[in-house]
Amino acid sequence: MAGILAPVNLVALWFVSELNGVLVAMLAVGDMVPNLFILIWTRGFGPEMAIPHLIFWPPLLALILWLQGTGVGAHFALYFWVLFAADLVSGAFDLREAVSLAAKRKRAK
């Protein structure tokens, strides 16, 4: 999944000159720095990496829906749908991972 998500979200940097492009890019790639630290701390990919996605992507998805009616450029609008689909599907898996992680930590106490 990371092989698709990282490139799709990084493409947001290409559109920073568009209206609200900086905000879209910040939300699309904002999870990468915390996830880098999580990746190092856990020494690999783990369910903890879902948490930053659940912080940054719901506002991004809402922003994408809101921006659809604002007359953004055609390429930016098309990219929105690709980004929306990728992050929505990933977000569903991330939510499942976060719930599972919380339950696991609760049982461990």
PDB file of N, CA and C in Angstrom:
ATOM      1  N   MET A   1       0.824  -1.196   0.000  1.00  0.00           N
ATOM      2  CA  MET A   1       0.000   0.000   0.000  1.00  0.00           C
ATOM      3  C   MET A   1       0.865   1.255   0.000  1.00  0.00           C
ATOM      4  N   ALA A   2       2.004   1.200   0.710  1.00  0.00           N
ATOM      5  CA  ALA A   2       2.893   2.371   0.777  1.00  0.00           C
ATOM      6  C   ALA A   2       3.426   2.727  -0.605  1.00  0.00           C
ATOM      7  N   GLY A   3       3.565   1.729  -1.479  1.00  0.00           N
ATOM      8  CA  GLY A   3       4.050   1.974  -2.824  1.00  0.00           C
ATOM      9  C   GLY A   3       3.095   2.807  -3.659  1.00  0.00           C
ATOM     10  N   ILE A   4       1.841   2.872  -3.253  1.00  0.00           N
ATOM     11  CA  ILE A   4       0.846   3.693  -3.940  1.00  0.00           C
ATOM     12  C   ILE A   4       0.612   4.992  -3.180  1.00  0.00           C
ATOM     13  N   LEU A   5       0.475   4.881  -1.861  1.00  0.00           N
ATOM     14  CA  LEU A   5       0.119   6.042  -1.052  1.00  0.00           C
ATOM     15  C   LEU A   5       1.162   7.143  -1.073  1.00  0.00           C
ATOM     16  N   ALA A   6       2.412   6.789  -0.894  1.00  0.00           N
ATOM     17  CA  ALA A   6       3.454   7.822  -0.849  1.00  0.00           C
ATOM     18  C   ALA A   6       3.497   8.623  -2.152  1.00  0.00           C
ATOM     19  N   PRO A   7       3.574   7.968  -3.316  1.00  0.00           N
ATOM     20  CA  PRO A   7       3.597   8.769  -4.545  1.00  0.00           C
ATOM     21  C   PRO A   7       2.331   9.599  -4.765  1.00  0.00           C
ATOM     22  N   VAL A   8       1.175   9.019  -4.492  1.00  0.00           N
ATOM     23  CA  VAL A   8      -0.079   9.755  -4.693  1.00  0.00           C
ATOM     24  C   VAL A   8      -0.118  10.992  -3.807  1.00  0.00           C
ATOM     25  N   ASN A   9       0.292  10.849  -2.555  1.00  0.00           N
ATOM     26  CA  ASN A   9       0.275  11.989  -1.650  1.00  0.00           C
ATOM     27  C   ASN A   9       1.381  12.992  -1.966  1.00  0.00           C
ATOM     28  N   LEU A  10       2.521  12.519  -2.423  1.00  0.00           N
ATOM     29  CA  LEU A  10       3.617  13.434  -2.768  1.00  0.00           C
ATOM     30  C   LEU A  10       3.316  14.281  -3.999  1.00  0.00           C
ATOM     31  N   VAL A  11       2.467  13.792  -4.878  1.00  0.00           N
ATOM     32  CA  VAL A  11       2.089  14.574  -6.062  1.00  0.00           C
ATOM     33  C   VAL A  11       1.435  15.894  -5.653  1.00  0.00           C
ATOM     34  N   ALA A  12       0.878  15.961  -4.460  1.00  0.00           N
ATOM     35  CA  ALA A  12       0.265  17.205  -3.973  1.00  0.00           C
ATOM     36  C   ALA A  12       1.264  18.355  -4.003  1.00  0.00           C
ATOM     37  N   LEU A  13       2.546  18.046  -3.844  1.00  0.00           N
ATOM     38  CA  LEU A  13       3.567  19.095  -3.878  1.00  0.00           C
ATOM     39  C   LEU A  13       3.648  19.763  -5.249  1.00  0.00           C
ATOM     40  N   TRP A  14       3.245  19.048  -6.283  1.00  0.00           N
ATOM     41  CA  TRP A  14       3.250  19.592  -7.637  1.00  0.00           C
ATOM     42  C   TRP A  14       2.222  20.718  -7.784  1.00  0.00           C
ATOM     43  N   PHE A  15       1.175  20.683  -6.967  1.00  0.00           N
ATOM     44  CA  PHE A  15       0.060  21.622  -7.104  1.00  0.00           C
ATOM     45  C   PHE A  15       0.078  22.743  -6.066  1.00  0.00           C
ATOM     46  N   VAL A  16       1.206  23.015  -5.439  1.00  0.00           N
ATOM     47  CA  VAL A  16       1.231  24.052  -4.397  1.00  0.00           C
ATOM     48  C   VAL A  16       0.904  25.441  -4.943  1.00  0.00           C
ATOM     49  N   SER A  17       1.081  25.665  -6.227  1.00  0.00           N
ATOM     50  CA  SER A  17       0.770  26.979  -6.802  1.00  0.00           C
ATOM     51  C   SER A  17      -0.722  27.171  -7.063  1.00  0.00           C
ATOM     52  N   GLU A  18      -1.493  26.108  -6.971  1.00  0.00           N
ATOM     53  CA  GLU A  18      -2.944  26.201  -7.164  1.00  0.00           C
ATOM     54  C   GLU A  18      -3.589  26.834  -5.927  1.00  0.00           C
ATOM     55  N   LEU A  19      -4.815  27.309  -6.102  1.00  0.00           N
ATOM     56  CA  LEU A  19      -5.580  27.845  -4.983  1.00  0.00           C
ATOM     57  C   LEU A  19      -5.747  26.761  -3.922  1.00  0.00           C
ATOM     58  N   ASN A  20      -5.348  27.013  -2.704  1.00  0.00           N
ATOM     59  CA  ASN A  20      -5.374  26.065  -1.574  1.00  0.00           C
ATOM     60  C   ASN A  20      -4.427  24.882  -1.773  1.00  0.00           C
ATOM     61  N   GLY A  21      -3.547  24.966  -2.744  1.00  0.00           N
ATOM     62  CA  GLY A  21      -2.606  23.885  -3.005  1.00  0.00           C
ATOM     63  C   GLY A  21      -1.643  23.638  -1.856  1.00  0.00           C
ATOM     64  N   VAL A  22      -1.219  24.698  -1.187  1.00  0.00           N
ATOM     65  CA  VAL A  22      -0.303  24.536  -0.048  1.00  0.00           C
ATOM     66  C   VAL A  22      -0.999  23.782   1.073  1.00  0.00           C
ATOM     67  N   LEU A  23      -2.241  24.135   1.352  1.00  0.00           N
ATOM     68  CA  LEU A  23      -2.992  23.447   2.405  1.00  0.00           C
ATOM     69  C   LEU A  23      -3.207  21.973   2.058  1.00  0.00           C
ATOM     70  N   VAL A  24      -3.566  21.704   0.825  1.00  0.00           N
ATOM     71  CA  VAL A  24      -3.743  20.313   0.385  1.00  0.00           C
ATOM     72  C   VAL A  24      -2.434  19.550   0.539  1.00  0.00           C
ATOM     73  N   ALA A  25      -1.340  20.150   0.108  1.00  0.00           N
ATOM     74  CA  ALA A  25      -0.034  19.487   0.202  1.00  0.00           C
ATOM     75  C   ALA A  25       0.361  19.253   1.662  1.00  0.00           C
ATOM     76  N   MET A  26       0.123  20.243   2.526  1.00  0.00           N
ATOM     77  CA  MET A  26       0.473  20.078   3.945  1.00  0.00           C
ATOM     78  C   MET A  26      -0.299  18.918   4.566  1.00  0.00           C
ATOM     79  N   LEU A  27      -1.568  18.806   4.253  1.00  0.00           N
ATOM     80  CA  LEU A  27      -2.373  17.721   4.810  1.00  0.00           C
ATOM     81  C   LEU A  27      -2.040  16.376   4.166  1.00  0.00           C
ATOM     82  N   ALA A  28      -1.694  16.397   2.882  1.00  0.00           N
ATOM     83  CA  ALA A  28      -1.400  15.146   2.174  1.00  0.00           C
ATOM     84  C   ALA A  28      -0.082  14.536   2.625  1.00  0.00           C
ATOM     85  N   VAL A  29       0.914  15.365   2.870  1.00  0.00           N
ATOM     86  CA  VAL A  29       2.236  14.827   3.238  1.00  0.00           C
ATOM     87  C   VAL A  29       2.578  15.071   4.708  1.00  0.00           C
ATOM     88  N   GLY A  30       1.676  15.716   5.440  1.00  0.00           N
ATOM     89  CA  GLY A  30       1.937  16.035   6.843  1.00  0.00           C
ATOM     90  C   GLY A  30       2.148  14.834   7.730  1.00  0.00           C
ATOM     91  N   ASP A  31       1.622  13.705   7.339  1.00  0.00           N
ATOM     92  CA  ASP A  31       1.768  12.491   8.141  1.00  0.00           C
ATOM     93  C   ASP A  31       3.125  11.822   7.953  1.00  0.00           C
ATOM     94  N   MET A  32       3.869  12.239   6.951  1.00  0.00           N
ATOM     95  CA  MET A  32       5.108  11.523   6.635  1.00  0.00           C
ATOM     96  C   MET A  32       6.200  11.721   7.683  1.00  0.00           C
ATOM     97  N   VAL A  33       6.322  12.916   8.250  1.00  0.00           N
ATOM     98  CA  VAL A  33       7.354  13.154   9.269  1.00  0.00           C
ATOM     99  C   VAL A  33       7.061  12.351  10.541  1.00  0.00           C
ATOM    100  N   PRO A  34       5.841  12.435  11.095  1.00  0.00           N
ATOM    101  CA  PRO A  34       5.583  11.593  12.269  1.00  0.00           C
ATOM    102  C   PRO A  34       5.762  10.107  11.963  1.00  0.00           C
ATOM    103  N   ASN A  35       5.366   9.683  10.774  1.00  0.00           N
ATOM    104  CA  ASN A  35       5.506   8.273  10.426  1.00  0.00           C
ATOM    105  C   ASN A  35       6.966   7.857  10.271  1.00  0.00           C
ATOM    106  N   LEU A  36       7.815   8.779   9.885  1.00  0.00           N
ATOM    107  CA  LEU A  36       9.244   8.469   9.813  1.00  0.00           C
ATOM    108  C   LEU A  36       9.776   8.154  11.207  1.00  0.00           C
ATOM    109  N   PHE A  37       9.380   8.961  12.193  1.00  0.00           N
ATOM    110  CA  PHE A  37       9.806   8.695  13.568  1.00  0.00           C
ATOM    111  C   PHE A  37       9.213   7.384  14.093  1.00  0.00           C
ATOM    112  N   ILE A  38       7.961   7.119  13.765  1.00  0.00           N
ATOM    113  CA  ILE A  38       7.332   5.862  14.177  1.00  0.00           C
ATOM    114  C   ILE A  38       8.045   4.685  13.528  1.00  0.00           C
ATOM    115  N   LEU A  39       8.383   4.824  12.265  1.00  0.00           N
ATOM    116  CA  LEU A  39       9.093   3.772  11.536  1.00  0.00           C
ATOM    117  C   LEU A  39      10.434   3.453  12.205  1.00  0.00           C
ATOM    118  N   ILE A  40      11.140   4.480  12.613  1.00  0.00           N
ATOM    119  CA  ILE A  40      12.425   4.279  13.292  1.00  0.00           C
ATOM    120  C   ILE A  40      12.207   3.684  14.680  1.00  0.00           C
ATOM    121  N   TRP A  41      11.242   4.218  15.421  1.00  0.00           N
ATOM    122  CA  TRP A  41      10.987   3.775  16.796  1.00  0.00           C
ATOM    123  C   TRP A  41      10.545   2.312  16.852  1.00  0.00           C
ATOM    124  N   THR A  42       9.672   1.908  15.922  1.00  0.00           N
ATOM    125  CA  THR A  42       9.167   0.528  15.931  1.00  0.00           C
ATOM    126  C   THR A  42      10.035  -0.409  15.095  1.00  0.00           C
ATOM    127  N   ARG A  43      11.043   0.154  14.454  1.00  0.00           N
ATOM    128  CA  ARG A  43      11.967  -0.610  13.604  1.00  0.00           C
ATOM    129  C   ARG A  43      11.242  -1.344  12.478  1.00  0.00           C
ATOM    130  N   GLY A  44      10.289  -0.670  11.881  1.00  0.00           N
ATOM    131  CA  GLY A  44       9.557  -1.250  10.766  1.00  0.00           C
ATOM    132  C   GLY A  44       8.137  -0.718  10.693  1.00  0.00           C
ATOM    133  N   PHE A  45       7.439  -1.152   9.693  1.00  0.00           N
ATOM    134  CA  PHE A  45       6.041  -0.739   9.523  1.00  0.00           C
ATOM    135  C   PHE A  45       5.187  -1.435  10.572  1.00  0.00           C
ATOM    136  N   GLY A  46       4.330  -0.679  11.216  1.00  0.00           N
ATOM    137  CA  GLY A  46       3.467  -1.262  12.228  1.00  0.00           C
ATOM    138  C   GLY A  46       2.146  -0.521  12.294  1.00  0.00           C
ATOM    139  N   PRO A  47       1.247  -0.991  13.126  1.00  0.00           N
ATOM    140  CA  PRO A  47      -0.077  -0.369  13.211  1.00  0.00           C
ATOM    141  C   PRO A  47      -0.041   1.053  13.763  1.00  0.00           C
ATOM    142  N   GLU A  48       1.038   1.403  14.448  1.00  0.00           N
ATOM    143  CA  GLU A  48       1.168   2.764  14.986  1.00  0.00           C
ATOM    144  C   GLU A  48       1.188   3.813  13.874  1.00  0.00           C
ATOM    145  N   MET A  49       1.594   3.398  12.688  1.00  0.00           N
ATOM    146  CA  MET A  49       1.683   4.327  11.567  1.00  0.00           C
ATOM    147  C   MET A  49       0.303   4.792  11.090  1.00  0.00           C
ATOM    148  N   ALA A  50      -0.747   4.157  11.549  1.00  0.00           N
ATOM    149  CA  ALA A  50      -2.099   4.572  11.176  1.00  0.00           C
ATOM    150  C   ALA A  50      -2.498   5.882  11.856  1.00  0.00           C
ATOM    151  N   ILE A  51      -1.940   6.151  13.025  1.00  0.00           N
ATOM    152  CA  ILE A  51      -2.365   7.303  13.822  1.00  0.00           C
ATOM    153  C   ILE A  51      -2.166   8.637  13.082  1.00  0.00           C
ATOM    154  N   PRO A  52      -0.979   8.937  12.540  1.00  0.00           N
ATOM    155  CA  PRO A  52      -0.847  10.206  11.812  1.00  0.00           C
ATOM    156  C   PRO A  52      -1.792  10.323  10.614  1.00  0.00           C
ATOM    157  N   HIS A  53      -2.068   9.210   9.943  1.00  0.00           N
ATOM    158  CA  HIS A  53      -3.019   9.253   8.828  1.00  0.00           C
ATOM    159  C   HIS A  53      -4.391   9.693   9.321  1.00  0.00           C
ATOM    160  N   LEU A  54      -4.790   9.201  10.481  1.00  0.00           N
ATOM    161  CA  LEU A  54      -6.110   9.528  11.017  1.00  0.00           C
ATOM    162  C   LEU A  54      -6.173  10.960  11.545  1.00  0.00           C
ATOM    163  N   ILE A  55      -5.024  11.581  11.740  1.00  0.00           N
ATOM    164  CA  ILE A  55      -4.987  12.989  12.161  1.00  0.00           C
ATOM    165  C   ILE A  55      -5.049  13.915  10.952  1.00  0.00           C
ATOM    166  N   PHE A  56      -4.269  13.619   9.917  1.00  0.00           N
ATOM    167  CA  PHE A  56      -4.147  14.531   8.784  1.00  0.00           C
ATOM    168  C   PHE A  56      -5.174  14.293   7.676  1.00  0.00           C
ATOM    169  N   TRP A  57      -5.570  13.064   7.440  1.00  0.00           N
ATOM    170  CA  TRP A  57      -6.380  12.781   6.260  1.00  0.00           C
ATOM    171  C   TRP A  57      -7.861  13.106   6.371  1.00  0.00           C
ATOM    172  N   PRO A  58      -8.534  12.958   7.506  1.00  0.00           N
ATOM    173  CA  PRO A  58      -9.948  13.380   7.529  1.00  0.00           C
ATOM    174  C   PRO A  58     -10.144  14.854   7.172  1.00  0.00           C
ATOM    175  N   PRO A  59      -9.315  15.774   7.712  1.00  0.00           N
ATOM    176  CA  PRO A  59      -9.474  17.159   7.245  1.00  0.00           C
ATOM    177  C   PRO A  59      -9.157  17.318   5.753  1.00  0.00           C
ATOM    178  N   LEU A  60      -8.194  16.545   5.258  1.00  0.00           N
ATOM    179  CA  LEU A  60      -7.865  16.590   3.831  1.00  0.00           C
ATOM    180  C   LEU A  60      -9.047  16.133   2.987  1.00  0.00           C
ATOM    181  N   LEU A  61      -9.678  15.037   3.382  1.00  0.00           N
ATOM    182  CA  LEU A  61     -10.825  14.528   2.621  1.00  0.00           C
ATOM    183  C   LEU A  61     -11.973  15.533   2.630  1.00  0.00           C
ATOM    184  N   ALA A  62     -12.211  16.168   3.784  1.00  0.00           N
ATOM    185  CA  ALA A  62     -13.262  17.191   3.864  1.00  0.00           C
ATOM    186  C   ALA A  62     -12.903  18.389   2.984  1.00  0.00           C
ATOM    187  N   LEU A  63     -11.637  18.785   3.003  1.00  0.00           N
ATOM    188  CA  LEU A  63     -11.187  19.904   2.170  1.00  0.00           C
ATOM    189  C   LEU A  63     -11.364  19.595   0.690  1.00  0.00           C
ATOM    190  N   ILE A  64     -11.023  18.385   0.285  1.00  0.00           N
ATOM    191  CA  ILE A  64     -11.186  17.997  -1.119  1.00  0.00           C
ATOM    192  C   ILE A  64     -12.652  18.101  -1.534  1.00  0.00           C
ATOM    193  N   LEU A  65     -13.544  17.608  -0.704  1.00  0.00           N
ATOM    194  CA  LEU A  65     -14.968  17.697  -1.028  1.00  0.00           C
ATOM    195  C   LEU A  65     -15.422  19.150  -1.112  1.00  0.00           C
ATOM    196  N   TRP A  66     -14.935  19.972  -0.198  1.00  0.00           N
ATOM    197  CA  TRP A  66     -15.313  21.388  -0.190  1.00  0.00           C
ATOM    198  C   TRP A  66     -14.768  22.121  -1.413  1.00  0.00           C
ATOM    199  N   LEU A  67     -13.549  21.812  -1.816  1.00  0.00           N
ATOM    200  CA  LEU A  67     -12.914  22.502  -2.939  1.00  0.00           C
ATOM    201  C   LEU A  67     -13.482  22.106  -4.299  1.00  0.00           C
ATOM    202  N   GLN A  68     -14.231  21.029  -4.377  1.00  0.00           N
ATOM    203  CA  GLN A  68     -14.749  20.581  -5.678  1.00  0.00           C
ATOM    204  C   GLN A  68     -15.599  21.645  -6.363  1.00  0.00           C
ATOM    205  N   GLY A  69     -16.312  22.439  -5.601  1.00  0.00           N
ATOM    206  CA  GLY A  69     -17.187  23.438  -6.208  1.00  0.00           C
ATOM    207  C   GLY A  69     -16.562  24.811  -6.333  1.00  0.00           C
ATOM    208  N   THR A  70     -15.253  24.932  -6.149  1.00  0.00           N
ATOM    209  CA  THR A  70     -14.630  26.255  -6.147  1.00  0.00           C
ATOM    210  C   THR A  70     -13.932  26.614  -7.443  1.00  0.00           C
ATOM    211  N   GLY A  71     -14.053  25.800  -8.465  1.00  0.00           N
ATOM    212  CA  GLY A  71     -13.458  26.123  -9.750  1.00  0.00           C
ATOM    213  C   GLY A  71     -11.951  25.929  -9.811  1.00  0.00           C
ATOM    214  N   VAL A  72     -11.451  24.901  -9.159  1.00  0.00           N
ATOM    215  CA  VAL A  72     -10.018  24.611  -9.242  1.00  0.00           C
ATOM    216  C   VAL A  72      -9.688  24.125 -10.651  1.00  0.00           C
ATOM    217  N   GLY A  73      -8.424  24.148 -11.004  1.00  0.00           N
ATOM    218  CA  GLY A  73      -8.000  23.713 -12.336  1.00  0.00           C
ATOM    219  C   GLY A  73      -8.374  22.264 -12.609  1.00  0.00           C
ATOM    220  N   ALA A  74      -8.501  21.934 -13.868  1.00  0.00           N
ATOM    221  CA  ALA A  74      -8.948  20.588 -14.279  1.00  0.00           C
ATOM    222  C   ALA A  74      -7.994  19.500 -13.796  1.00  0.00           C
ATOM    223  N   HIS A  75      -6.695  19.731 -13.907  1.00  0.00           N
ATOM    224  CA  HIS A  75      -5.735  18.721 -13.471  1.00  0.00           C
ATOM    225  C   HIS A  75      -5.762  18.552 -11.960  1.00  0.00           C
ATOM    226  N   PHE A  76      -5.890  19.673 -11.259  1.00  0.00           N
ATOM    227  CA  PHE A  76      -5.966  19.628  -9.798  1.00  0.00           C
ATOM    228  C   PHE A  76      -7.232  18.896  -9.369  1.00  0.00           C
ATOM    229  N   ALA A  77      -8.350  19.153 -10.032  1.00  0.00           N
ATOM    230  CA  ALA A  77      -9.619  18.490  -9.706  1.00  0.00           C
ATOM    231  C   ALA A  77      -9.530  16.986  -9.956  1.00  0.00           C
ATOM    232  N   LEU A  78      -8.898  16.583 -11.057  1.00  0.00           N
ATOM    233  CA  LEU A  78      -8.726  15.162 -11.341  1.00  0.00           C
ATOM    234  C   LEU A  78      -7.833  14.512 -10.278  1.00  0.00           C
ATOM    235  N   TYR A  79      -6.763  15.196  -9.932  1.00  0.00           N
ATOM    236  CA  TYR A  79      -5.869  14.688  -8.885  1.00  0.00           C
ATOM    237  C   TYR A  79      -6.618  14.543  -7.559  1.00  0.00           C
ATOM    238  N   PHE A  80      -7.514  15.482  -7.276  1.00  0.00           N
ATOM    239  CA  PHE A  80      -8.309  15.394  -6.045  1.00  0.00           C
ATOM    240  C   PHE A  80      -8.994  14.042  -5.917  1.00  0.00           C
ATOM    241  N   TRP A  81      -9.586  13.573  -7.000  1.00  0.00           N
ATOM    242  CA  TRP A  81     -10.327  12.314  -6.927  1.00  0.00           C
ATOM    243  C   TRP A  81      -9.405  11.121  -6.719  1.00  0.00           C
ATOM    244  N   VAL A  82      -8.241  11.159  -7.337  1.00  0.00           N
ATOM    245  CA  VAL A  82      -7.258  10.086  -7.120  1.00  0.00           C
ATOM    246  C   VAL A  82      -6.787  10.105  -5.669  1.00  0.00           C
ATOM    247  N   LEU A  83      -6.445  11.293  -5.173  1.00  0.00           N
ATOM    248  CA  LEU A  83      -6.000  11.453  -3.788  1.00  0.00           C
ATOM    249  C   LEU A  83      -7.106  11.058  -2.815  1.00  0.00           C
ATOM    250  N   PHE A  84      -8.324  11.505  -3.101  1.00  0.00           N
ATOM    251  CA  PHE A  84      -9.462  11.191  -2.230  1.00  0.00           C
ATOM    252  C   PHE A  84      -9.671   9.682  -2.135  1.00  0.00           C
ATOM    253  N   ALA A  85      -9.675   9.009  -3.290  1.00  0.00           N
ATOM    254  CA  ALA A  85      -9.900   7.560  -3.294  1.00  0.00           C
ATOM    255  C   ALA A  85      -8.793   6.825  -2.551  1.00  0.00           C
ATOM    256  N   ALA A  86      -7.544   7.179  -2.820  1.00  0.00           N
ATOM    257  CA  ALA A  86      -6.414   6.495  -2.168  1.00  0.00           C
ATOM    258  C   ALA A  86      -6.440   6.699  -0.653  1.00  0.00           C
ATOM    259  N   ASP A  87      -6.662   7.938  -0.229  1.00  0.00           N
ATOM    260  CA  ASP A  87      -6.626   8.219   1.208  1.00  0.00           C
ATOM    261  C   ASP A  87      -7.883   7.727   1.933  1.00  0.00           C
ATOM    262  N   LEU A  88      -9.006   7.686   1.242  1.00  0.00           N
ATOM    263  CA  LEU A  88     -10.218   7.152   1.866  1.00  0.00           C
ATOM    264  C   LEU A  88     -10.086   5.652   2.116  1.00  0.00           C
ATOM    265  N   VAL A  89      -9.624   4.922   1.115  1.00  0.00           N
ATOM    266  CA  VAL A  89      -9.436   3.470   1.277  1.00  0.00           C
ATOM    267  C   VAL A  89      -8.383   3.196   2.345  1.00  0.00           C
ATOM    268  N   SER A  90      -7.259   3.895   2.266  1.00  0.00           N
ATOM    269  CA  SER A  90      -6.210   3.704   3.264  1.00  0.00           C
ATOM    270  C   SER A  90      -6.703   4.092   4.652  1.00  0.00           C
ATOM    271  N   GLY A  91      -7.471   5.168   4.726  1.00  0.00           N
ATOM    272  CA  GLY A  91      -8.007   5.611   6.014  1.00  0.00           C
ATOM    273  C   GLY A  91      -8.912   4.573   6.658  1.00  0.00           C
ATOM    274  N   ALA A  92      -9.679   3.864   5.844  1.00  0.00           N
ATOM    275  CA  ALA A  92     -10.527   2.793   6.386  1.00  0.00           C
ATOM    276  C   ALA A  92      -9.672   1.697   7.003  1.00  0.00           C
ATOM    277  N   PHE A  93      -8.598   1.316   6.316  1.00  0.00           N
ATOM    278  CA  PHE A  93      -7.685   0.318   6.884  1.00  0.00           C
ATOM    279  C   PHE A  93      -6.964   0.866   8.111  1.00  0.00           C
ATOM    280  N   ASP A  94      -6.611   2.143   8.070  1.00  0.00           N
ATOM    281  CA  ASP A  94      -5.941   2.765   9.212  1.00  0.00           C
ATOM    282  C   ASP A  94      -6.848   2.798  10.438  1.00  0.00           C
ATOM    283  N   LEU A  95      -8.115   3.064  10.236  1.00  0.00           N
ATOM    284  CA  LEU A  95      -9.059   3.078  11.352  1.00  0.00           C
ATOM    285  C   LEU A  95      -9.145   1.695  11.991  1.00  0.00           C
ATOM    286  N   ARG A  96      -9.203   0.679  11.146  1.00  0.00           N
ATOM    287  CA  ARG A  96      -9.220  -0.694  11.653  1.00  0.00           C
ATOM    288  C   ARG A  96      -7.946  -0.995  12.436  1.00  0.00           C
ATOM    289  N   GLU A  97      -6.803  -0.582  11.911  1.00  0.00           N
ATOM    290  CA  GLU A  97      -5.517  -0.795  12.589  1.00  0.00           C
ATOM    291  C   GLU A  97      -5.474  -0.066  13.932  1.00  0.00           C
ATOM    292  N   ALA A  98      -5.965   1.167  13.967  1.00  0.00           N
ATOM    293  CA  ALA A  98      -5.938   1.957  15.202  1.00  0.00           C
ATOM    294  C   ALA A  98      -6.840   1.343  16.264  1.00  0.00           C
ATOM    295  N   VAL A  99      -8.009   0.887  15.868  1.00  0.00           N
ATOM    296  CA  VAL A  99      -8.927   0.237  16.814  1.00  0.00           C
ATOM    297  C   VAL A  99      -8.295  -1.045  17.341  1.00  0.00           C
ATOM    298  N   SER A 100      -7.688  -1.814  16.458  1.00  0.00           N
ATOM    299  CA  SER A 100      -7.016  -3.047  16.856  1.00  0.00           C
ATOM    300  C   SER A 100      -5.852  -2.755  17.810  1.00  0.00           C
ATOM    301  N   LEU A 101      -5.085  -1.722  17.511  1.00  0.00           N
ATOM    302  CA  LEU A 101      -3.968  -1.338  18.363  1.00  0.00           C
ATOM    303  C   LEU A 101      -4.444  -0.895  19.734  1.00  0.00           C
ATOM    304  N   ALA A 102      -5.519  -0.122  19.778  1.00  0.00           N
ATOM    305  CA  ALA A 102      -6.068   0.330  21.055  1.00  0.00           C
ATOM    306  C   ALA A 102      -6.570  -0.837  21.876  1.00  0.00           C
ATOM    307  N   ALA A 103      -7.238  -1.772  21.246  1.00  0.00           N
ATOM    308  CA  ALA A 103      -7.729  -2.956  21.960  1.00  0.00           C
ATOM    309  C   ALA A 103      -6.572  -3.793  22.484  1.00  0.00           C
ATOM    310  N   LYS A 104      -5.549  -3.931  21.691  1.00  0.00           N
ATOM    311  CA  LYS A 104      -4.357  -4.704  22.093  1.00  0.00           C
ATOM    312  C   LYS A 104      -3.675  -4.048  23.291  1.00  0.00           C
ATOM    313  N   ARG A 105      -3.560  -2.741  23.266  1.00  0.00           N
ATOM    314  CA  ARG A 105      -2.918  -2.031  24.394  1.00  0.00           C
ATOM    315  C   ARG A 105      -3.793  -2.083  25.636  1.00  0.00           C
ATOM    316  N   LYS A 106      -5.099  -2.065  25.457  1.00  0.00           N
ATOM    317  CA  LYS A 106      -6.011  -2.135  26.605  1.00  0.00           C
ATOM    318  C   LYS A 106      -5.902  -3.510  27.260  1.00  0.00           C
ATOM    319  N   ARG A 107      -5.801  -4.567  26.443  1.00  0.00           N
ATOM    320  CA  ARG A 107      -5.653  -5.926  26.991  1.00  0.00           C
ATOM    321  C   ARG A 107      -4.317  -6.095  27.711  1.00  0.00           C
ATOM    322  N   ALA A 108      -3.294  -5.378  27.250  1.00  0.00           N
ATOM    323  CA  ALA A 108      -1.960  -5.509  27.834  1.00  0.00           C
ATOM    324  C   ALA A 108      -1.859  -4.862  29.205  1.00  0.00           C
ATOM    325  N   LYS A 109      -2.768  -3.971  29.520  1.00  0.00           N
ATOM    326  CA  LYS A 109      -2.713  -3.277  30.831  1.00  0.00           C
ATOM    327  C   LYS A 109      -3.209  -4.122  31.943  1.00  0.00           C
TER     328      LYS A 109
END
